[in-house]
Amino acid sequence: MSYVVAFARFWWDFVVGDDWRTAVMVVAAIGATALAARGDVSAWWVMPAAVAGVLYLSLRRATGR
């Protein structure tokens, strides 16, 4: 059982890492891309815009501004 726990902890640390907010924003961006792709909207622009937004918010939070 300890192998299963170690495996789960590895993936939690790998995905969430130091900032759970960034992980939540990435999951939201993937969901927004999926919703846009399901509709009649061209979805190619959603993920690059989300990456820029998540990076901006992450850097802003890290620098304290």
N, C-alpha and C. Protein backbone atom coordinates (compact mmCIF):
# COMPACT_ATOMS: atom_id res chain seq x y z
N MET A 1 0.81 -1.19 0.00
CA MET A 1 0.00 0.00 0.00
C MET A 1 0.86 1.26 0.00
N SER A 2 2.04 1.18 0.57
CA SER A 2 2.88 2.38 0.61
C SER A 2 3.34 2.80 -0.78
N TYR A 3 3.42 1.84 -1.73
CA TYR A 3 3.76 2.21 -3.09
C TYR A 3 2.65 3.04 -3.73
N VAL A 4 1.43 2.69 -3.44
CA VAL A 4 0.30 3.44 -3.98
C VAL A 4 0.28 4.85 -3.41
N VAL A 5 0.51 4.97 -2.13
CA VAL A 5 0.54 6.29 -1.48
C VAL A 5 1.70 7.11 -2.04
N ALA A 6 2.85 6.52 -2.20
CA ALA A 6 4.01 7.23 -2.75
C ALA A 6 3.74 7.67 -4.19
N PHE A 7 3.08 6.82 -4.96
CA PHE A 7 2.75 7.16 -6.34
C PHE A 7 1.78 8.33 -6.38
N ALA A 8 0.76 8.29 -5.53
CA ALA A 8 -0.22 9.39 -5.48
C ALA A 8 0.44 10.69 -5.01
N ARG A 9 1.31 10.61 -4.02
CA ARG A 9 1.99 11.83 -3.56
C ARG A 9 2.91 12.41 -4.62
N PHE A 10 3.57 11.54 -5.39
CA PHE A 10 4.41 12.02 -6.48
C PHE A 10 3.58 12.82 -7.48
N TRP A 11 2.45 12.25 -7.91
CA TRP A 11 1.64 12.93 -8.91
C TRP A 11 1.01 14.21 -8.36
N TRP A 12 0.63 14.21 -7.09
CA TRP A 12 0.10 15.43 -6.48
C TRP A 12 1.17 16.51 -6.48
N ASP A 13 2.39 16.15 -6.08
CA ASP A 13 3.48 17.13 -6.05
C ASP A 13 3.85 17.58 -7.46
N PHE A 14 3.80 16.67 -8.43
CA PHE A 14 4.15 17.00 -9.80
C PHE A 14 3.12 17.94 -10.42
N VAL A 15 1.85 17.68 -10.22
CA VAL A 15 0.80 18.48 -10.85
C VAL A 15 0.57 19.78 -10.09
N VAL A 16 0.40 19.69 -8.79
CA VAL A 16 0.09 20.87 -8.00
C VAL A 16 1.35 21.67 -7.68
N GLY A 17 2.39 20.99 -7.28
CA GLY A 17 3.66 21.65 -7.00
C GLY A 17 3.56 22.63 -5.85
N ASP A 18 4.13 23.79 -6.03
CA ASP A 18 4.18 24.79 -4.97
C ASP A 18 2.93 25.66 -4.91
N ASP A 19 2.22 25.78 -6.01
CA ASP A 19 1.11 26.72 -6.06
C ASP A 19 -0.15 26.03 -6.57
N TRP A 20 -1.09 25.79 -5.70
CA TRP A 20 -2.33 25.11 -6.08
C TRP A 20 -3.20 26.00 -6.95
N ARG A 21 -3.04 27.33 -6.81
CA ARG A 21 -3.86 28.24 -7.62
C ARG A 21 -3.52 28.11 -9.11
N THR A 22 -2.25 27.97 -9.41
CA THR A 22 -1.84 27.80 -10.80
C THR A 22 -2.39 26.49 -11.36
N ALA A 23 -2.36 25.43 -10.57
CA ALA A 23 -2.91 24.15 -11.02
C ALA A 23 -4.40 24.27 -11.30
N VAL A 24 -5.12 25.00 -10.47
CA VAL A 24 -6.56 25.19 -10.68
C VAL A 24 -6.80 25.99 -11.95
N MET A 25 -5.99 27.02 -12.18
CA MET A 25 -6.16 27.84 -13.39
C MET A 25 -5.85 27.03 -14.64
N VAL A 26 -4.88 26.14 -14.58
CA VAL A 26 -4.56 25.31 -15.74
C VAL A 26 -5.71 24.35 -16.04
N VAL A 27 -6.27 23.75 -15.00
CA VAL A 27 -7.42 22.86 -15.20
C VAL A 27 -8.60 23.65 -15.78
N ALA A 28 -8.82 24.86 -15.30
CA ALA A 28 -9.89 25.70 -15.84
C ALA A 28 -9.63 26.06 -17.30
N ALA A 29 -8.37 26.30 -17.65
CA ALA A 29 -8.03 26.63 -19.03
C ALA A 29 -8.27 25.43 -19.95
N ILE A 30 -7.94 24.24 -19.47
CA ILE A 30 -8.20 23.04 -20.27
C ILE A 30 -9.70 22.85 -20.44
N GLY A 31 -10.47 23.09 -19.38
CA GLY A 31 -11.92 22.99 -19.49
C GLY A 31 -12.50 24.03 -20.44
N ALA A 32 -11.98 25.25 -20.38
CA ALA A 32 -12.46 26.30 -21.30
C ALA A 32 -12.14 25.96 -22.75
N THR A 33 -10.97 25.38 -22.97
CA THR A 33 -10.60 24.96 -24.32
C THR A 33 -11.53 23.86 -24.81
N ALA A 34 -11.85 22.91 -23.93
CA ALA A 34 -12.76 21.83 -24.31
C ALA A 34 -14.16 22.37 -24.62
N LEU A 35 -14.63 23.31 -23.82
CA LEU A 35 -15.94 23.89 -24.09
C LEU A 35 -15.96 24.68 -25.39
N ALA A 36 -14.90 25.40 -25.65
CA ALA A 36 -14.83 26.16 -26.90
C ALA A 36 -14.75 25.23 -28.10
N ALA A 37 -14.03 24.13 -27.96
CA ALA A 37 -13.92 23.17 -29.06
C ALA A 37 -15.24 22.46 -29.31
N ARG A 38 -16.02 22.27 -28.26
CA ARG A 38 -17.33 21.61 -28.41
C ARG A 38 -18.32 22.49 -29.15
N GLY A 39 -18.20 23.78 -28.94
CA GLY A 39 -19.11 24.71 -29.61
C GLY A 39 -18.62 25.03 -31.01
N ASP A 40 -19.19 26.05 -31.57
CA ASP A 40 -18.84 26.46 -32.93
C ASP A 40 -17.73 27.49 -32.96
N VAL A 41 -16.98 27.61 -31.86
CA VAL A 41 -15.92 28.60 -31.75
C VAL A 41 -14.59 27.93 -32.06
N SER A 42 -13.73 28.63 -32.78
CA SER A 42 -12.39 28.14 -33.01
C SER A 42 -11.63 28.18 -31.68
N ALA A 43 -11.09 27.04 -31.25
CA ALA A 43 -10.54 26.92 -29.89
C ALA A 43 -9.03 27.09 -29.82
N TRP A 44 -8.36 27.34 -30.92
CA TRP A 44 -6.90 27.37 -30.90
C TRP A 44 -6.35 28.51 -30.04
N TRP A 45 -7.08 29.58 -29.88
CA TRP A 45 -6.60 30.77 -29.18
C TRP A 45 -6.79 30.71 -27.67
N VAL A 46 -7.59 29.77 -27.19
CA VAL A 46 -7.92 29.75 -25.76
C VAL A 46 -6.70 29.41 -24.91
N MET A 47 -5.98 28.37 -25.26
CA MET A 47 -4.86 27.93 -24.42
C MET A 47 -3.70 28.94 -24.43
N PRO A 48 -3.28 29.51 -25.57
CA PRO A 48 -2.22 30.53 -25.49
C PRO A 48 -2.62 31.74 -24.65
N ALA A 49 -3.87 32.17 -24.75
CA ALA A 49 -4.33 33.29 -23.92
C ALA A 49 -4.33 32.90 -22.44
N ALA A 50 -4.74 31.68 -22.15
CA ALA A 50 -4.75 31.21 -20.77
C ALA A 50 -3.34 31.09 -20.20
N VAL A 51 -2.42 30.62 -21.00
CA VAL A 51 -1.02 30.51 -20.55
C VAL A 51 -0.47 31.89 -20.22
N ALA A 52 -0.74 32.86 -21.09
CA ALA A 52 -0.26 34.22 -20.82
C ALA A 52 -0.90 34.78 -19.55
N GLY A 53 -2.18 34.54 -19.36
CA GLY A 53 -2.86 35.03 -18.17
C GLY A 53 -2.38 34.36 -16.90
N VAL A 54 -2.21 33.04 -16.94
CA VAL A 54 -1.73 32.31 -15.76
C VAL A 54 -0.31 32.73 -15.42
N LEU A 55 0.53 32.89 -16.43
CA LEU A 55 1.91 33.34 -16.18
C LEU A 55 1.94 34.73 -15.57
N TYR A 56 1.11 35.62 -16.09
CA TYR A 56 1.05 36.98 -15.55
C TYR A 56 0.62 36.96 -14.08
N LEU A 57 -0.45 36.23 -13.79
CA LEU A 57 -0.94 36.18 -12.40
C LEU A 57 0.06 35.52 -11.47
N SER A 58 0.72 34.48 -11.94
CA SER A 58 1.70 33.79 -11.12
C SER A 58 2.91 34.68 -10.82
N LEU A 59 3.39 35.39 -11.82
CA LEU A 59 4.52 36.29 -11.61
C LEU A 59 4.14 37.48 -10.74
N ARG A 60 2.93 37.97 -10.93
CA ARG A 60 2.47 39.09 -10.11
C ARG A 60 2.38 38.68 -8.64
N ARG A 61 1.88 37.47 -8.39
CA ARG A 61 1.77 36.98 -7.03
C ARG A 61 3.16 36.72 -6.43
N ALA A 62 4.10 36.24 -7.25
CA ALA A 62 5.45 35.94 -6.77
C ALA A 62 6.24 37.19 -6.42
N THR A 63 6.02 38.27 -7.19
CA THR A 63 6.77 39.50 -6.93
C THR A 63 6.10 40.38 -5.89
N GLY A 64 4.86 40.06 -5.53
CA GLY A 64 4.16 40.83 -4.51
C GLY A 64 3.57 42.12 -5.02
N ARG A 65 3.36 42.25 -6.29
CA ARG A 65 2.80 43.48 -6.86
C ARG A 65 1.37 43.31 -7.24
